[in-house]
Amino acid sequence: MSKASGGVRTRKSAEERAEEIRSSARDLALAEGLPALTLRAVAARIGVASALVAHYEPSMEELVARTFSSITIAEVDEITTLVADAETATDKLRQLIATLLEPARDDVTTVWADAFSLGRTNEPLAAAVRAVMDRWQLLVAGIIDEGVDGGEFTTDVAADVAWQFLGMIDGVNSHALVHYAGAPDRGRLVCRAMENELGLERGTLQ
């Protein structure tokens, strides 16, 4: 229920209530991580009974998975648009690395780290992780293929290099969550590894 002017209470539509629950789950995950997504926590955030959340979201595993997808697909789409404006594949890769290592993205990094762990026992979440990873793979491999076609990069295994890149990003960003090494060092290592893989001169991506 919500109050209208004059103190009259109006009932939210089913669509409005469902979106309120989804939005609350997203906000909670970004603020406190995926493990914080419980019926009680989501309900408390919007001031309703747990039973009402359960009515709209009978499976918390599914809610966690959809919340993860909502957050991480938005990030992929945002970064895809961001790097698309770069003139060359080298510029796109340089910007991609810098963007993914920004400390401002630690909240999304936390969601990813939680998903890798929770996905061991939550199959809907594991499937969601794989689906978003596929999106990232397509983006990174596409940049590498563009660089190879344009004579900027040298490799005959773009898909493997993309996979390696994503593994490095996940690894160094997880290190950042526990303040292991500094951001410049993490960026330097990723840039150097990609320069080696793509036949670039040292320092090209920094």
Protein backbone atom coordinates (compact mmCIF):
# COMPACT_ATOMS: atom_id res chain seq x y z
CA MET A 1 0.00 0.00 0.00
CA SER A 2 1.14 3.58 -0.59
CA LYS A 3 -0.29 6.92 0.46
CA ALA A 4 -1.82 9.34 -2.01
CA SER A 5 -2.56 13.01 -1.28
CA GLY A 6 -4.89 13.63 1.63
CA GLY A 7 -3.75 10.48 3.43
CA VAL A 8 -5.77 8.12 1.24
CA ARG A 9 -4.01 4.81 0.69
CA THR A 10 -3.83 3.38 -2.81
CA ARG A 11 -2.89 -0.15 -3.69
CA LYS A 12 0.03 -0.63 -6.06
CA SER A 13 -0.62 -2.63 -9.17
CA ALA A 14 0.94 -6.07 -9.49
CA GLU A 15 3.33 -4.71 -12.12
CA GLU A 16 4.37 -1.80 -9.91
CA ARG A 17 4.91 -4.06 -6.91
CA ALA A 18 6.94 -6.56 -8.93
CA GLU A 19 9.18 -3.79 -10.28
CA GLU A 20 9.58 -2.36 -6.78
CA ILE A 21 10.79 -5.75 -5.56
CA ARG A 22 13.18 -6.14 -8.50
CA SER A 23 14.54 -2.64 -8.02
CA SER A 24 14.98 -3.20 -4.30
CA ALA A 25 16.85 -6.44 -4.98
CA ARG A 26 19.20 -4.67 -7.41
CA ASP A 27 19.91 -1.88 -4.96
CA LEU A 28 20.50 -4.33 -2.13
CA ALA A 29 22.85 -6.49 -4.21
CA LEU A 30 24.93 -3.47 -5.25
CA ALA A 31 25.09 -2.16 -1.70
CA GLU A 32 25.65 -5.39 0.23
CA GLY A 33 26.29 -8.20 -2.28
CA LEU A 34 24.23 -11.13 -3.54
CA PRO A 35 24.26 -13.02 -0.20
CA ALA A 36 22.23 -10.15 1.26
CA LEU A 37 19.29 -11.03 -0.99
CA THR A 38 16.89 -12.71 1.42
CA LEU A 39 13.11 -12.48 1.61
CA ARG A 40 13.35 -10.58 4.87
CA ALA A 41 15.97 -8.11 3.63
CA VAL A 42 14.16 -7.31 0.39
CA ALA A 43 10.87 -6.95 2.23
CA ALA A 44 12.39 -4.67 4.87
CA ARG A 45 13.90 -2.44 2.21
CA ILE A 46 10.48 -1.61 0.78
CA GLY A 47 8.52 -1.86 4.00
CA VAL A 48 6.32 -4.87 3.28
CA ALA A 49 5.84 -8.33 4.75
CA SER A 50 8.16 -11.15 3.66
CA ALA A 51 5.10 -13.09 2.54
CA LEU A 52 4.32 -10.42 -0.06
CA VAL A 53 7.80 -10.71 -1.56
CA ALA A 54 7.42 -14.49 -1.57
CA HIS A 55 4.13 -14.11 -3.44
CA TYR A 56 5.88 -12.26 -6.27
CA GLU A 57 9.19 -14.10 -6.01
CA PRO A 58 8.54 -17.68 -4.85
CA SER A 59 12.11 -18.75 -5.70
CA MET A 60 14.92 -16.72 -4.17
CA GLU A 61 17.40 -18.58 -6.35
CA GLU A 62 15.62 -17.24 -9.43
CA LEU A 63 15.47 -13.73 -7.96
CA VAL A 64 19.19 -13.78 -7.23
CA ALA A 65 19.89 -14.98 -10.77
CA ARG A 66 17.68 -12.32 -12.37
CA THR A 67 19.17 -9.63 -10.15
CA PHE A 68 22.67 -10.65 -11.19
CA SER A 69 21.66 -10.60 -14.87
CA SER A 70 20.02 -7.19 -14.56
CA ILE A 71 23.13 -5.63 -13.01
CA THR A 72 25.76 -7.27 -15.19
CA ILE A 73 23.97 -7.07 -18.55
CA ALA A 74 23.52 -3.34 -17.95
CA GLU A 75 27.28 -3.09 -17.43
CA VAL A 76 28.09 -4.99 -20.63
CA ASP A 77 25.72 -2.79 -22.61
CA GLU A 78 27.14 0.38 -21.08
CA ILE A 79 30.74 -0.55 -21.81
CA THR A 80 29.94 -1.81 -25.32
CA THR A 81 28.52 1.63 -26.12
CA LEU A 82 31.45 3.37 -24.43
CA VAL A 83 34.22 1.60 -26.35
CA ALA A 84 32.35 1.73 -29.67
CA ASP A 85 33.32 5.40 -30.04
CA ALA A 86 37.05 4.66 -29.95
CA GLU A 87 38.72 5.02 -33.35
CA THR A 88 40.88 1.88 -33.42
CA ALA A 89 40.78 -1.58 -31.90
CA THR A 90 43.85 -0.66 -29.84
CA ASP A 91 42.03 2.36 -28.46
CA LYS A 92 38.99 0.20 -27.70
CA LEU A 93 41.07 -2.36 -25.82
CA ARG A 94 42.94 0.34 -23.91
CA GLN A 95 39.68 1.96 -22.86
CA LEU A 96 38.12 -1.39 -22.01
CA ILE A 97 40.96 -2.26 -19.64
CA ALA A 98 40.92 1.15 -17.95
CA THR A 99 37.15 1.08 -17.53
CA LEU A 100 36.94 -2.44 -16.13
CA LEU A 101 39.60 -1.68 -13.52
CA GLU A 102 37.97 1.54 -12.25
CA PRO A 103 37.48 1.41 -8.45
CA ALA A 104 34.05 2.98 -9.02
CA ARG A 105 32.93 -0.41 -10.38
CA ASP A 106 33.74 -2.29 -7.18
CA ASP A 107 30.04 -2.76 -6.43
CA VAL A 108 29.53 -4.69 -9.67
CA THR A 109 32.81 -6.54 -9.09
CA THR A 110 31.42 -7.68 -5.75
CA VAL A 111 28.29 -8.99 -7.46
CA TRP A 112 30.46 -10.98 -9.87
CA ALA A 113 32.62 -12.40 -7.08
CA ASP A 114 29.52 -13.43 -5.15
CA ALA A 115 28.00 -15.03 -8.24
CA PHE A 116 31.04 -17.19 -8.93
CA SER A 117 30.84 -18.52 -5.39
CA LEU A 118 27.06 -18.85 -4.99
CA GLY A 119 26.69 -20.30 -8.46
CA ARG A 120 28.24 -23.54 -7.25
CA THR A 121 24.96 -24.43 -5.55
CA ASN A 122 22.51 -22.13 -7.38
CA GLU A 123 22.07 -23.47 -10.91
CA PRO A 124 19.87 -20.60 -12.16
CA LEU A 125 22.61 -18.21 -11.05
CA ALA A 126 25.32 -20.36 -12.65
CA ALA A 127 23.40 -20.33 -15.93
CA ALA A 128 23.03 -16.55 -15.70
CA VAL A 129 26.78 -16.16 -15.11
CA ARG A 130 27.56 -18.28 -18.18
CA ALA A 131 25.15 -16.27 -20.31
CA VAL A 132 26.67 -12.92 -19.34
CA MET A 133 30.18 -14.31 -19.73
CA ASP A 134 29.23 -15.22 -23.29
CA ARG A 135 28.28 -11.57 -23.89
CA TRP A 136 31.65 -10.45 -22.60
CA GLN A 137 33.42 -13.05 -24.69
CA LEU A 138 31.71 -11.77 -27.84
CA LEU A 139 32.63 -8.17 -27.04
CA VAL A 140 36.30 -8.83 -26.31
CA ALA A 141 36.81 -11.33 -29.13
CA GLY A 142 35.15 -8.86 -31.50
CA ILE A 143 37.63 -6.15 -30.55
CA ILE A 144 40.53 -8.55 -31.03
CA ASP A 145 39.22 -9.73 -34.39
CA GLU A 146 38.85 -6.11 -35.47
CA GLY A 147 42.45 -5.45 -34.48
CA VAL A 148 43.69 -8.50 -36.37
CA ASP A 149 41.72 -7.54 -39.48
CA GLY A 150 43.10 -4.01 -39.31
CA GLY A 151 46.70 -5.14 -38.85
CA GLU A 152 46.92 -3.81 -35.28
CA PHE A 153 47.04 -7.18 -33.48
CA THR A 154 48.69 -10.48 -34.23
CA THR A 155 46.98 -13.69 -33.06
CA ASP A 156 45.20 -16.63 -34.60
CA VAL A 157 43.26 -17.49 -31.44
CA ALA A 158 41.15 -14.40 -30.69
CA ALA A 159 38.58 -16.39 -28.71
CA ASP A 160 41.26 -17.87 -26.44
CA VAL A 161 42.89 -14.49 -25.87
CA ALA A 162 39.49 -13.02 -25.02
CA TRP A 163 38.86 -15.80 -22.51
CA GLN A 164 42.30 -15.26 -20.98
CA PHE A 165 41.62 -11.53 -20.75
CA LEU A 166 38.33 -12.06 -18.92
CA GLY A 167 40.02 -14.44 -16.51
CA MET A 168 42.67 -11.84 -15.73
CA ILE A 169 40.10 -9.10 -15.20
CA ASP A 170 38.07 -11.29 -12.86
CA GLY A 171 41.21 -12.22 -10.97
CA VAL A 172 42.71 -8.77 -10.46
CA ASN A 173 39.32 -7.25 -9.65
CA SER A 174 38.80 -9.93 -6.99
CA HIS A 175 42.20 -8.99 -5.58
CA ALA A 176 41.05 -5.37 -5.45
CA LEU A 177 38.15 -6.32 -3.18
CA VAL A 178 40.63 -7.34 -0.49
CA HIS A 179 43.03 -4.49 -1.33
CA TYR A 180 45.75 -6.74 -2.67
CA ALA A 181 48.21 -4.65 -4.72
CA GLY A 182 47.32 -1.26 -6.18
CA ALA A 183 45.15 -0.38 -9.14
CA PRO A 184 48.10 0.87 -11.25
CA ASP A 185 49.92 -2.43 -10.71
CA ARG A 186 46.88 -4.47 -11.63
CA GLY A 187 46.36 -2.43 -14.77
CA ARG A 188 50.01 -2.73 -15.72
CA LEU A 189 49.93 -6.50 -15.47
CA VAL A 190 46.79 -6.83 -17.60
CA CYS A 191 48.16 -4.44 -20.23
CA ARG A 192 51.49 -6.23 -20.39
CA ALA A 193 49.84 -9.63 -20.77
CA MET A 194 47.61 -8.41 -23.60
CA GLU A 195 50.50 -6.68 -25.32
CA ASN A 196 52.42 -9.96 -25.26
CA GLU A 197 49.43 -11.93 -26.57
CA LEU A 198 48.62 -9.51 -29.38
CA GLY A 199 52.12 -8.67 -30.60
CA LEU A 200 52.04 -5.07 -29.37
CA GLU A 201 55.01 -3.01 -28.25
CA ARG A 202 55.41 -2.69 -24.50
CA GLY A 203 53.47 0.28 -23.18
CA THR A 204 51.02 0.45 -26.08
CA LEU A 205 47.95 -0.16 -23.91
CA GLN A 206 48.96 2.00 -20.95
